[in-house]
């Protein structure tokens, strides 16, 4: 599903939206944020250069990582304890 979205539907919309928001923020941001905003812009440029297949694999691996992180506390909460007889 991710691949279909990035390959056929998105057309760069997500990254253009990020660039638009960043440019609006640059107009109102102070000089102390210039370095951070430039780094953010470089990150957007780097990510927008990924192919749809690379973005799909990135999202799948990210989802698996977050799922494992969420599974640990969930397992601790719902774990059954032995009854002492």
N, C-alpha and C. Protein backbone atom coordinates (compact mmCIF):
# COMPACT_ATOMS: atom_id res chain seq x y z
N UNK A 1 0.82 -1.19 0.00
CA UNK A 1 0.00 0.00 0.00
C UNK A 1 0.87 1.26 0.00
N UNK A 2 1.93 1.25 0.80
CA UNK A 2 2.83 2.41 0.81
C UNK A 2 3.42 2.65 -0.57
N UNK A 3 3.86 1.56 -1.19
CA UNK A 3 4.49 1.69 -2.50
C UNK A 3 3.53 2.30 -3.52
N UNK A 4 2.31 1.82 -3.52
CA UNK A 4 1.31 2.33 -4.48
C UNK A 4 1.09 3.82 -4.24
N UNK A 5 1.02 4.20 -2.97
CA UNK A 5 0.82 5.62 -2.66
C UNK A 5 1.97 6.46 -3.18
N UNK A 6 3.21 6.10 -2.81
CA UNK A 6 4.35 6.91 -3.21
C UNK A 6 4.63 6.85 -4.70
N UNK A 7 4.32 5.73 -5.33
CA UNK A 7 4.62 5.57 -6.75
C UNK A 7 3.60 6.26 -7.64
N UNK A 8 2.32 6.12 -7.31
CA UNK A 8 1.28 6.56 -8.23
C UNK A 8 0.44 7.73 -7.74
N UNK A 9 0.34 7.94 -6.44
CA UNK A 9 -0.60 8.94 -5.93
C UNK A 9 0.11 10.20 -5.45
N UNK A 10 1.15 10.05 -4.65
CA UNK A 10 1.77 11.18 -3.98
C UNK A 10 2.34 12.23 -4.93
N UNK A 11 3.22 11.83 -5.82
CA UNK A 11 3.81 12.77 -6.77
C UNK A 11 4.62 13.88 -6.12
N UNK A 12 5.19 13.62 -4.96
CA UNK A 12 6.00 14.62 -4.27
C UNK A 12 5.21 15.57 -3.38
N UNK A 13 3.92 15.32 -3.19
CA UNK A 13 3.07 16.21 -2.40
C UNK A 13 3.56 16.37 -0.97
N UNK A 14 3.92 15.27 -0.33
CA UNK A 14 4.31 15.32 1.09
C UNK A 14 5.53 16.20 1.27
N UNK A 15 6.54 16.00 0.44
CA UNK A 15 7.77 16.77 0.60
C UNK A 15 7.57 18.23 0.21
N UNK A 16 6.72 18.51 -0.77
CA UNK A 16 6.42 19.89 -1.13
C UNK A 16 5.65 20.59 0.00
N UNK A 17 4.79 19.85 0.67
CA UNK A 17 4.07 20.42 1.81
C UNK A 17 5.04 20.77 2.93
N UNK A 18 6.00 19.87 3.20
CA UNK A 18 7.03 20.16 4.21
C UNK A 18 7.85 21.38 3.82
N UNK A 19 8.23 21.47 2.55
CA UNK A 19 9.01 22.63 2.09
C UNK A 19 8.22 23.92 2.23
N UNK A 20 6.94 23.87 1.92
CA UNK A 20 6.09 25.05 2.04
C UNK A 20 5.99 25.51 3.49
N UNK A 21 5.78 24.57 4.39
CA UNK A 21 5.69 24.90 5.82
C UNK A 21 7.02 25.46 6.30
N UNK A 22 8.12 24.86 5.86
CA UNK A 22 9.45 25.31 6.26
C UNK A 22 9.71 26.73 5.76
N UNK A 23 9.33 27.02 4.53
CA UNK A 23 9.53 28.37 3.99
C UNK A 23 8.70 29.40 4.73
N UNK A 24 7.48 29.05 5.11
CA UNK A 24 6.65 29.96 5.89
C UNK A 24 7.27 30.21 7.26
N UNK A 25 7.83 29.17 7.84
CA UNK A 25 8.45 29.31 9.15
C UNK A 25 9.74 30.13 9.09
N UNK A 26 10.48 29.99 7.98
CA UNK A 26 11.73 30.75 7.81
C UNK A 26 11.48 32.25 7.83
N UNK A 27 10.34 32.65 7.29
CA UNK A 27 10.01 34.08 7.23
C UNK A 27 9.82 34.67 8.62
N UNK A 28 9.33 33.89 9.55
CA UNK A 28 9.04 34.41 10.89
C UNK A 28 10.09 34.02 11.92
N UNK A 29 10.97 33.09 11.57
CA UNK A 29 11.96 32.59 12.53
C UNK A 29 13.10 33.59 12.70
N UNK A 30 13.70 33.52 13.87
CA UNK A 30 14.85 34.37 14.15
C UNK A 30 16.13 33.81 13.57
N UNK A 31 17.18 34.60 13.69
CA UNK A 31 18.48 34.22 13.13
C UNK A 31 19.07 32.99 13.84
N UNK A 32 18.70 32.79 15.09
CA UNK A 32 19.26 31.67 15.85
C UNK A 32 18.78 30.31 15.34
N UNK A 33 17.69 30.30 14.57
CA UNK A 33 17.16 29.04 14.04
C UNK A 33 17.62 28.76 12.61
N UNK A 34 18.40 29.64 12.03
CA UNK A 34 18.80 29.47 10.63
C UNK A 34 19.53 28.17 10.39
N UNK A 35 20.48 27.82 11.25
CA UNK A 35 21.24 26.58 11.09
C UNK A 35 20.33 25.37 11.16
N UNK A 36 19.45 25.34 12.13
CA UNK A 36 18.53 24.21 12.29
C UNK A 36 17.59 24.09 11.09
N UNK A 37 17.10 25.21 10.61
CA UNK A 37 16.20 25.18 9.46
C UNK A 37 16.92 24.71 8.20
N UNK A 38 18.17 25.11 8.04
CA UNK A 38 18.95 24.65 6.89
C UNK A 38 19.19 23.14 6.96
N UNK A 39 19.45 22.63 8.16
CA UNK A 39 19.64 21.19 8.32
C UNK A 39 18.34 20.43 8.02
N UNK A 40 17.23 21.00 8.46
CA UNK A 40 15.94 20.37 8.18
C UNK A 40 15.67 20.36 6.68
N UNK A 41 16.02 21.45 6.00
CA UNK A 41 15.83 21.52 4.56
C UNK A 41 16.70 20.49 3.83
N UNK A 42 17.92 20.29 4.30
CA UNK A 42 18.80 19.27 3.72
C UNK A 42 18.23 17.87 3.94
N UNK A 43 17.64 17.64 5.10
CA UNK A 43 17.02 16.34 5.38
C UNK A 43 15.84 16.09 4.45
N UNK A 44 15.04 17.11 4.21
CA UNK A 44 13.91 16.97 3.29
C UNK A 44 14.41 16.67 1.89
N UNK A 45 15.48 17.36 1.46
CA UNK A 45 16.04 17.10 0.13
C UNK A 45 16.56 15.68 0.02
N UNK A 46 17.19 15.19 1.08
CA UNK A 46 17.72 13.82 1.08
C UNK A 46 16.59 12.80 0.99
N UNK A 47 15.55 12.99 1.79
CA UNK A 47 14.43 12.06 1.78
C UNK A 47 13.63 12.11 0.49
N UNK A 48 13.54 13.28 -0.11
CA UNK A 48 12.77 13.38 -1.36
C UNK A 48 13.50 12.71 -2.51
N UNK A 49 14.78 12.42 -2.34
CA UNK A 49 15.54 11.73 -3.37
C UNK A 49 15.38 10.23 -3.34
N UNK A 50 14.72 9.70 -2.32
CA UNK A 50 14.51 8.25 -2.23
C UNK A 50 13.47 7.80 -3.26
N UNK A 51 13.67 6.61 -3.77
CA UNK A 51 12.68 6.04 -4.69
C UNK A 51 11.46 5.56 -3.89
N UNK A 52 10.33 5.36 -4.53
CA UNK A 52 9.16 4.85 -3.81
C UNK A 52 9.43 3.52 -3.11
N UNK A 53 10.22 2.66 -3.73
CA UNK A 53 10.54 1.37 -3.11
C UNK A 53 11.40 1.57 -1.85
N UNK A 54 12.36 2.48 -1.91
CA UNK A 54 13.20 2.76 -0.73
C UNK A 54 12.38 3.36 0.40
N UNK A 55 11.45 4.26 0.06
CA UNK A 55 10.59 4.83 1.09
C UNK A 55 9.70 3.76 1.72
N UNK A 56 9.21 2.84 0.89
CA UNK A 56 8.37 1.75 1.40
C UNK A 56 9.15 0.89 2.38
N UNK A 57 10.37 0.49 2.02
CA UNK A 57 11.18 -0.32 2.93
C UNK A 57 11.52 0.44 4.20
N UNK A 58 11.78 1.73 4.08
CA UNK A 58 12.07 2.56 5.25
C UNK A 58 10.87 2.58 6.19
N UNK A 59 9.68 2.78 5.65
CA UNK A 59 8.48 2.83 6.49
C UNK A 59 8.17 1.48 7.11
N UNK A 60 8.37 0.40 6.36
CA UNK A 60 8.12 -0.93 6.91
C UNK A 60 9.07 -1.22 8.07
N UNK A 61 10.35 -0.92 7.89
CA UNK A 61 11.30 -1.17 8.98
C UNK A 61 11.02 -0.26 10.18
N UNK A 62 10.60 0.96 9.92
CA UNK A 62 10.24 1.88 11.01
C UNK A 62 9.02 1.35 11.76
N UNK A 63 8.02 0.85 11.04
CA UNK A 63 6.83 0.30 11.68
C UNK A 63 7.16 -0.93 12.53
N UNK A 64 8.07 -1.77 12.02
CA UNK A 64 8.48 -2.95 12.79
C UNK A 64 9.20 -2.54 14.07
N UNK A 65 10.07 -1.55 13.99
CA UNK A 65 10.80 -1.08 15.16
C UNK A 65 9.85 -0.52 16.21
N UNK A 66 8.93 0.34 15.78
CA UNK A 66 7.96 0.90 16.73
C UNK A 66 7.05 -0.18 17.31
N UNK A 67 6.69 -1.16 16.49
CA UNK A 67 5.87 -2.26 16.98
C UNK A 67 6.56 -3.06 18.07
N UNK A 68 7.86 -3.31 17.87
CA UNK A 68 8.62 -4.03 18.91
C UNK A 68 8.72 -3.21 20.19
N UNK A 69 8.93 -1.91 20.03
CA UNK A 69 9.01 -1.06 21.23
C UNK A 69 7.68 -1.03 21.98
N UNK A 70 6.60 -1.03 21.27
CA UNK A 70 5.29 -1.00 21.92
C UNK A 70 4.91 -2.37 22.48
N UNK A 71 5.44 -3.44 21.91
CA UNK A 71 5.11 -4.78 22.36
C UNK A 71 5.68 -5.07 23.74
N UNK A 72 6.84 -4.53 24.05
CA UNK A 72 7.48 -4.82 25.34
C UNK A 72 6.64 -4.32 26.51
N UNK A 73 6.26 -3.03 26.56
CA UNK A 73 5.42 -2.61 27.69
C UNK A 73 4.04 -3.26 27.69
N UNK A 74 3.51 -3.52 26.50
CA UNK A 74 2.20 -4.18 26.42
C UNK A 74 2.28 -5.59 27.01
N UNK A 75 3.34 -6.31 26.68
CA UNK A 75 3.51 -7.66 27.22
C UNK A 75 3.68 -7.63 28.73
N UNK A 76 4.37 -6.64 29.24
CA UNK A 76 4.54 -6.54 30.70
C UNK A 76 3.23 -6.24 31.41
N UNK A 77 2.39 -5.46 30.76
CA UNK A 77 1.11 -5.09 31.37
C UNK A 77 0.15 -6.27 31.39
N UNK A 78 0.08 -7.03 30.31
CA UNK A 78 -0.91 -8.09 30.21
C UNK A 78 -0.37 -9.46 30.60
N UNK A 79 0.85 -9.53 31.07
CA UNK A 79 1.46 -10.81 31.41
C UNK A 79 0.72 -11.45 32.59
N UNK A 80 0.56 -12.76 32.51
CA UNK A 80 -0.11 -13.50 33.57
C UNK A 80 0.89 -13.85 34.64
N UNK A 81 0.45 -13.75 35.86
CA UNK A 81 1.31 -14.10 36.99
C UNK A 81 0.85 -15.42 37.57
N UNK A 82 1.81 -16.22 38.00
CA UNK A 82 1.46 -17.51 38.61
C UNK A 82 0.80 -17.26 39.95
N UNK A 83 -0.23 -18.06 40.21
CA UNK A 83 -0.90 -17.96 41.49
C UNK A 83 -0.15 -18.82 42.51
N UNK A 84 0.09 -18.24 43.65
CA UNK A 84 0.73 -19.01 44.75
C UNK A 84 -0.34 -19.82 45.46
N UNK A 85 -0.09 -21.12 45.56
CA UNK A 85 -1.09 -21.97 46.22
C UNK A 85 -0.64 -22.36 47.60
